C-alpha atoms as a PDB file:
ATOM      1  CA  MET A   1       0.000   0.000   0.000  1.00  0.00           C
ATOM      2  CA  ASP A   2       1.220   3.476  -0.841  1.00  0.00           C
ATOM      3  CA  ARG A   3       1.242   5.139   2.587  1.00  0.00           C
ATOM      4  CA  GLN A   4       1.959   8.610   1.199  1.00  0.00           C
ATOM      5  CA  PRO A   5      -0.561   9.178  -1.572  1.00  0.00           C
ATOM      6  CA  VAL A   6      -2.046  12.437  -2.771  1.00  0.00           C
ATOM      7  CA  LEU A   7      -5.778  12.329  -2.022  1.00  0.00           C
ATOM      8  CA  GLU A   8      -8.202  15.044  -3.035  1.00  0.00           C
ATOM      9  CA  GLY A   9     -11.731  15.712  -1.854  1.00  0.00           C
ATOM     10  CA  GLU A  10     -14.152  18.567  -2.302  1.00  0.00           C
ATOM     11  CA  ARG A  11     -12.691  20.617   0.581  1.00  0.00           C
ATOM     12  CA  THR A  12      -9.362  18.997   1.409  1.00  0.00           C
ATOM     13  CA  LEU A  13      -6.149  17.884  -0.206  1.00  0.00           C
ATOM     14  CA  LEU A  14      -3.957  15.330   1.550  1.00  0.00           C
ATOM     15  CA  ARG A  15      -0.358  15.056   0.421  1.00  0.00           C
ATOM     16  CA  PRO A  16       2.901  13.694   1.851  1.00  0.00           C
ATOM     17  CA  LEU A  17       4.235  15.728   4.761  1.00  0.00           C
ATOM     18  CA  THR A  18       7.629  17.364   4.162  1.00  0.00           C
ATOM     19  CA  GLU A  19      10.239  19.102   6.305  1.00  0.00           C
ATOM     20  CA  ASP A  20       9.134  22.390   4.720  1.00  0.00           C
ATOM     21  CA  ASP A  21       5.713  21.979   6.389  1.00  0.00           C
ATOM     22  CA  TRP A  22       7.148  22.535   9.886  1.00  0.00           C
ATOM     23  CA  ASP A  23       6.148  26.204  10.357  1.00  0.00           C
ATOM     24  CA  ALA A  24       2.611  25.822   9.015  1.00  0.00           C
ATOM     25  CA  LEU A  25       1.926  22.594  10.886  1.00  0.00           C
ATOM     26  CA  TYR A  26       3.383  23.839  14.159  1.00  0.00           C
ATOM     27  CA  ALA A  27       1.180  26.935  13.863  1.00  0.00           C
ATOM     28  CA  VAL A  28      -1.793  24.531  14.097  1.00  0.00           C
ATOM     29  CA  ALA A  29      -0.238  22.204  16.692  1.00  0.00           C
ATOM     30  CA  SER A  30       0.890  25.009  19.014  1.00  0.00           C
ATOM     31  CA  ASP A  31      -2.708  25.562  20.156  1.00  0.00           C
ATOM     32  CA  PRO A  32      -3.079  23.742  23.521  1.00  0.00           C
ATOM     33  CA  MET A  33      -6.771  23.192  22.754  1.00  0.00           C
ATOM     34  CA  VAL A  34      -5.812  20.691  20.030  1.00  0.00           C
ATOM     35  CA  TRP A  35      -4.235  18.407  22.626  1.00  0.00           C
ATOM     36  CA  GLU A  36      -6.442  18.973  25.694  1.00  0.00           C
ATOM     37  CA  GLN A  37      -7.994  15.467  25.580  1.00  0.00           C
ATOM     38  CA  HIS A  38      -4.993  13.734  24.095  1.00  0.00           C
ATOM     39  CA  PRO A  39      -2.834  11.532  26.357  1.00  0.00           C
ATOM     40  CA  MET A  40       0.180  13.633  25.305  1.00  0.00           C
ATOM     41  CA  HIS A  41      -1.560  16.838  26.289  1.00  0.00           C
ATOM     42  CA  ASP A  42       1.638  18.902  26.070  1.00  0.00           C
ATOM     43  CA  ARG A  43       2.277  18.220  22.390  1.00  0.00           C
ATOM     44  CA  TRP A  44       1.619  21.930  21.772  1.00  0.00           C
ATOM     45  CA  ARG A  45       5.071  22.630  23.259  1.00  0.00           C
ATOM     46  CA  GLU A  46       7.703  23.099  20.540  1.00  0.00           C
ATOM     47  CA  PRO A  47      10.202  20.422  21.693  1.00  0.00           C
ATOM     48  CA  VAL A  48       7.447  17.824  22.174  1.00  0.00           C
ATOM     49  CA  PHE A  49       5.889  18.589  18.805  1.00  0.00           C
ATOM     50  CA  ARG A  50       9.331  18.657  17.134  1.00  0.00           C
ATOM     51  CA  ALA A  51       9.872  15.028  18.218  1.00  0.00           C
ATOM     52  CA  PHE A  52       6.384  14.110  16.921  1.00  0.00           C
ATOM     53  CA  PHE A  53       7.049  15.846  13.580  1.00  0.00           C
ATOM     54  CA  GLU A  54      10.475  14.239  13.109  1.00  0.00           C
ATOM     55  CA  ASP A  55       9.029  10.816  13.946  1.00  0.00           C
ATOM     56  CA  ALA A  56       6.305  11.363  11.336  1.00  0.00           C
ATOM     57  CA  LEU A  57       8.889  12.172   8.666  1.00  0.00           C
ATOM     58  CA  ALA A  58      11.175   9.291   9.658  1.00  0.00           C
ATOM     59  CA  LYS A  59       8.464   6.610   9.652  1.00  0.00           C
ATOM     60  CA  GLY A  60       6.728   7.718   6.474  1.00  0.00           C
ATOM     61  CA  GLY A  61       2.989   7.600   5.981  1.00  0.00           C
ATOM     62  CA  ALA A  62       2.443  11.149   7.266  1.00  0.00           C
ATOM     63  CA  LEU A  63       0.118  13.417   5.337  1.00  0.00           C
ATOM     64  CA  ALA A  64      -0.455  17.171   5.480  1.00  0.00           C
ATOM     65  CA  ILE A  65      -4.131  18.133   5.404  1.00  0.00           C
ATOM     66  CA  ILE A  66      -4.752  21.249   3.342  1.00  0.00           C
ATOM     67  CA  ASP A  67      -7.854  23.429   3.085  1.00  0.00           C
ATOM     68  CA  LYS A  68      -8.192  23.649  -0.703  1.00  0.00           C
ATOM     69  CA  ASP A  69      -9.977  27.032  -0.681  1.00  0.00           C
ATOM     70  CA  LYS A  70      -7.357  28.725   1.501  1.00  0.00           C
ATOM     71  CA  GLY A  71      -4.340  26.680   0.419  1.00  0.00           C
ATOM     72  CA  GLU A  72      -3.356  26.349   4.112  1.00  0.00           C
ATOM     73  CA  ILE A  73      -2.214  23.360   6.145  1.00  0.00           C
ATOM     74  CA  ILE A  74      -4.913  22.692   8.734  1.00  0.00           C
ATOM     75  CA  GLY A  75      -3.628  19.460  10.286  1.00  0.00           C
ATOM     76  CA  SER A  76      -2.032  16.101   9.716  1.00  0.00           C
ATOM     77  CA  SER A  77      -2.740  12.368   9.776  1.00  0.00           C
ATOM     78  CA  ARG A  78      -0.758   9.175   9.161  1.00  0.00           C
ATOM     79  CA  PHE A  79      -0.976   5.716   7.704  1.00  0.00           C
ATOM     80  CA  GLN A  80       1.027   3.336   9.922  1.00  0.00           C
ATOM     81  CA  ALA A  81       1.798  -0.196   8.762  1.00  0.00           C
ATOM     82  CA  LEU A  82       0.677  -2.914  11.178  1.00  0.00           C
ATOM     83  CA  MET A  83       2.837  -5.969  10.704  1.00  0.00           C
ATOM     84  CA  ASP A  84       5.119  -8.434  12.352  1.00  0.00           C
ATOM     85  CA  ALA A  85       8.833  -8.092  11.659  1.00  0.00           C
ATOM     86  CA  ASP A  86       8.797 -11.018   9.231  1.00  0.00           C
ATOM     87  CA  GLU A  87       5.602  -9.988   7.408  1.00  0.00           C
ATOM     88  CA  ASP A  88       5.907  -8.625   3.878  1.00  0.00           C
ATOM     89  CA  PRO A  89       4.502  -5.068   3.734  1.00  0.00           C
ATOM     90  CA  GLU A  90       2.879  -5.905   0.402  1.00  0.00           C
ATOM     91  CA  GLU A  91       0.968  -8.749   2.062  1.00  0.00           C
ATOM     92  CA  GLN A  92      -0.337  -6.913   5.125  1.00  0.00           C
ATOM     93  CA  SER A  93      -4.042  -7.213   5.814  1.00  0.00           C
ATOM     94  CA  SER A  94      -4.432  -4.063   7.918  1.00  0.00           C
ATOM     95  CA  VAL A  95      -3.117  -0.557   8.407  1.00  0.00           C
ATOM     96  CA  GLU A  96      -3.563   2.026  11.148  1.00  0.00           C
ATOM     97  CA  ILE A  97      -4.797   5.553  10.566  1.00  0.00           C
ATOM     98  CA  GLY A  98      -3.847   7.833  13.394  1.00  0.00           C
ATOM     99  CA  TRP A  99      -1.901  10.704  14.833  1.00  0.00           C
ATOM    100  CA  THR A 100      -4.633  12.890  13.346  1.00  0.00           C
ATOM    101  CA  PHE A 101      -5.175  16.452  14.447  1.00  0.00           C
ATOM    102  CA  LEU A 102      -6.979  19.432  12.962  1.00  0.00           C
ATOM    103  CA  ALA A 103      -7.108  23.128  13.744  1.00  0.00           C
ATOM    104  CA  PRO A 104     -10.042  23.699  16.130  1.00  0.00           C
ATOM    105  CA  ARG A 105     -11.809  25.978  13.645  1.00  0.00           C
ATOM    106  CA  TYR A 106     -12.319  22.864  11.460  1.00  0.00           C
ATOM    107  CA  TRP A 107     -13.840  20.693  14.190  1.00  0.00           C
ATOM    108  CA  GLY A 108     -17.417  19.661  13.441  1.00  0.00           C
ATOM    109  CA  LYS A 109     -17.235  21.039   9.893  1.00  0.00           C
ATOM    110  CA  SER A 110     -17.164  17.686   7.998  1.00  0.00           C
ATOM    111  CA  VAL A 111     -13.414  18.001   7.314  1.00  0.00           C
ATOM    112  CA  ASN A 112     -12.561  14.947   9.426  1.00  0.00           C
ATOM    113  CA  ARG A 113     -15.345  12.993   7.720  1.00  0.00           C
ATOM    114  CA  GLU A 114     -14.068  13.852   4.227  1.00  0.00           C
ATOM    115  CA  MET A 115     -10.434  13.229   5.133  1.00  0.00           C
ATOM    116  CA  LYS A 116     -11.205   9.845   6.722  1.00  0.00           C
ATOM    117  CA  ARG A 117     -13.371   8.862   3.744  1.00  0.00           C
ATOM    118  CA  LEU A 118     -10.445   9.606   1.401  1.00  0.00           C
ATOM    119  CA  MET A 119      -7.939   7.744   3.577  1.00  0.00           C
ATOM    120  CA  LEU A 120     -10.187   4.740   4.135  1.00  0.00           C
ATOM    121  CA  ALA A 121     -11.085   4.436   0.435  1.00  0.00           C
ATOM    122  CA  HIS A 122      -7.370   4.509  -0.387  1.00  0.00           C
ATOM    123  CA  ALA A 123      -6.497   1.952   2.305  1.00  0.00           C
ATOM    124  CA  PHE A 124      -9.243  -0.467   1.315  1.00  0.00           C
ATOM    125  CA  GLN A 125      -7.771  -0.790  -2.155  1.00  0.00           C
ATOM    126  CA  SER A 126      -4.992  -2.772  -0.417  1.00  0.00           C
ATOM    127  CA  VAL A 127      -6.088  -3.963   3.041  1.00  0.00           C
ATOM    128  CA  GLU A 128      -9.089  -5.635   4.667  1.00  0.00           C
ATOM    129  CA  ARG A 129      -9.127  -3.684   7.968  1.00  0.00           C
ATOM    130  CA  VAL A 130      -8.137  -0.251   9.255  1.00  0.00           C
ATOM    131  CA  ASP A 131      -7.364   0.265  12.939  1.00  0.00           C
ATOM    132  CA  PHE A 132      -7.424   3.473  14.974  1.00  0.00           C
ATOM    133  CA  ARG A 133      -5.763   3.902  18.387  1.00  0.00           C
ATOM    134  CA  VAL A 134      -7.207   6.565  20.683  1.00  0.00           C
ATOM    135  CA  GLY A 135      -6.579   7.602  24.265  1.00  0.00           C
ATOM    136  CA  GLU A 136      -9.287   6.349  26.616  1.00  0.00           C
ATOM    137  CA  ALA A 137     -10.187   9.880  27.785  1.00  0.00           C
ATOM    138  CA  ASN A 138     -10.092  11.439  24.321  1.00  0.00           C
ATOM    139  CA  TRP A 139     -13.857  11.661  23.925  1.00  0.00           C
ATOM    140  CA  ARG A 140     -13.692  14.067  20.997  1.00  0.00           C
ATOM    141  CA  SER A 141     -11.722  11.551  18.910  1.00  0.00           C
ATOM    142  CA  ARG A 142     -13.722   8.583  20.157  1.00  0.00           C
ATOM    143  CA  ASN A 143     -16.988  10.261  19.135  1.00  0.00           C
ATOM    144  CA  ALA A 144     -15.523  11.222  15.751  1.00  0.00           C
ATOM    145  CA  LEU A 145     -14.476   7.604  15.145  1.00  0.00           C
ATOM    146  CA  GLU A 146     -17.889   6.276  16.093  1.00  0.00           C
ATOM    147  CA  ASN A 147     -19.516   8.847  13.776  1.00  0.00           C
ATOM    148  CA  ILE A 148     -17.574   7.468  10.812  1.00  0.00           C
ATOM    149  CA  GLY A 149     -18.540   3.877  11.610  1.00  0.00           C
ATOM    150  CA  ALA A 150     -15.486   2.662  13.547  1.00  0.00           C
ATOM    151  CA  GLN A 151     -16.258  -0.010  16.128  1.00  0.00           C
ATOM    152  CA  LYS A 152     -14.479  -0.234  19.463  1.00  0.00           C
ATOM    153  CA  THR A 153     -12.700  -3.583  19.662  1.00  0.00           C
ATOM    154  CA  ARG A 154     -11.704  -5.535  22.750  1.00  0.00           C
ATOM    155  CA  ARG A 155      -8.057  -4.720  22.050  1.00  0.00           C
ATOM    156  CA  THR A 156      -6.257  -2.094  24.098  1.00  0.00           C
ATOM    157  CA  GLU A 157      -2.679  -0.863  24.346  1.00  0.00           C
ATOM    158  CA  LEU A 158      -0.911   0.389  27.415  1.00  0.00           C
ATOM    159  CA  ALA A 159       1.795   3.024  27.112  1.00  0.00           C
ATOM    160  CA  LYS A 160       3.602   5.356  29.476  1.00  0.00           C
ATOM    161  CA  TYR A 161       3.878   9.112  29.226  1.00  0.00           C
ATOM    162  CA  GLU A 162       5.482  11.318  31.864  1.00  0.00           C
ATOM    163  CA  GLY A 163       5.712   8.274  34.133  1.00  0.00           C
ATOM    164  CA  LYS A 164       1.959   7.626  33.978  1.00  0.00           C
ATOM    165  CA  ARG A 165       0.151   4.691  32.410  1.00  0.00           C
ATOM    166  CA  VAL A 166      -1.929   5.652  29.378  1.00  0.00           C
ATOM    167  CA  LEU A 167      -4.613   3.346  28.034  1.00  0.00           C
ATOM    168  CA  HIS A 168      -5.361   3.442  24.304  1.00  0.00           C
ATOM    169  CA  LEU A 169      -8.505   1.853  22.921  1.00  0.00           C
ATOM    170  CA  VAL A 170      -8.424   0.249  19.482  1.00  0.00           C
ATOM    171  CA  TYR A 171     -11.232   0.934  17.028  1.00  0.00           C
ATOM    172  CA  ALA A 172     -11.538  -0.734  13.627  1.00  0.00           C
ATOM    173  CA  ILE A 173     -13.408  -0.599  10.315  1.00  0.00           C
ATOM    174  CA  THR A 174     -13.379  -3.452   7.816  1.00  0.00           C
ATOM    175  CA  ARG A 175     -13.655  -3.077   4.062  1.00  0.00           C
ATOM    176  CA  ASP A 176     -17.254  -4.363   4.152  1.00  0.00           C
ATOM    177  CA  GLU A 177     -18.224  -2.070   7.041  1.00  0.00           C
ATOM    178  CA  PHE A 178     -16.817   0.893   5.126  1.00  0.00           C
ATOM    179  CA  ALA A 179     -18.691  -0.057   1.943  1.00  0.00           C
ATOM    180  CA  ASN A 180     -21.990  -0.229   3.856  1.00  0.00           C
ATOM    181  CA  GLY A 181     -21.352   2.406   6.539  1.00  0.00           C
ATOM    182  CA  PRO A 182     -21.762   6.137   7.041  1.00  0.00           C
ATOM    183  CA  LEU A 183     -18.759   6.988   4.853  1.00  0.00           C
ATOM    184  CA  SER A 184     -19.739   4.878   1.863  1.00  0.00           C
ATOM    185  CA  TYR A 185     -19.746   6.797  -1.379  1.00  0.00           C
ATOM    186  CA  SER A 186     -23.427   5.931  -1.771  1.00  0.00           C
ATOM    187  CA  ASP A 187     -24.084   7.990   1.406  1.00  0.00           C
ATOM    188  CA  GLN A 188     -25.159  11.362   0.042  1.00  0.00           C
ATOM    189  CA  GLY A 189     -25.311  13.008   3.475  1.00  0.00           C
ATOM    190  CA  GLY A 190     -21.535  13.035   4.116  1.00  0.00           C
END
């Protein structure tokens, strides 16, 4: 699967993130409101976000989200391969979409819905399932995932941040669920 495609919708353009995107993306990420429910709630701080940004570039799969009308970067998301060390990336059956954030002025404006529709349609050309990992207390993201048809699974992941345990819930959408769900291209309300 091409994890750094160019995807275009009615309102948004998603393209591979580059080093040159630092200033524009940090302008969005430097708003503490973006991270208030996120387990890494201090990602608005420059050194914390710098590590996040460099990790995104190093691992590949990171996309800049651009408002087509304004030509401005309004956030970012990533495709992350899910595979065992000995699994062939061309043979993987799932991928994770995550590390998504948007400028608050775009919350509740159908941008997330369009962006996820584009990313899911792209992913399902190659994989059977897409996973999403979200912090247990991140209700904004959990609600957004449920609104696009993602189902909470029984899987969880435990991580540590600032010496504290952080629980992540795993949501998923299968190819069939996408085709028949709220983001299907036959859904005219999205």
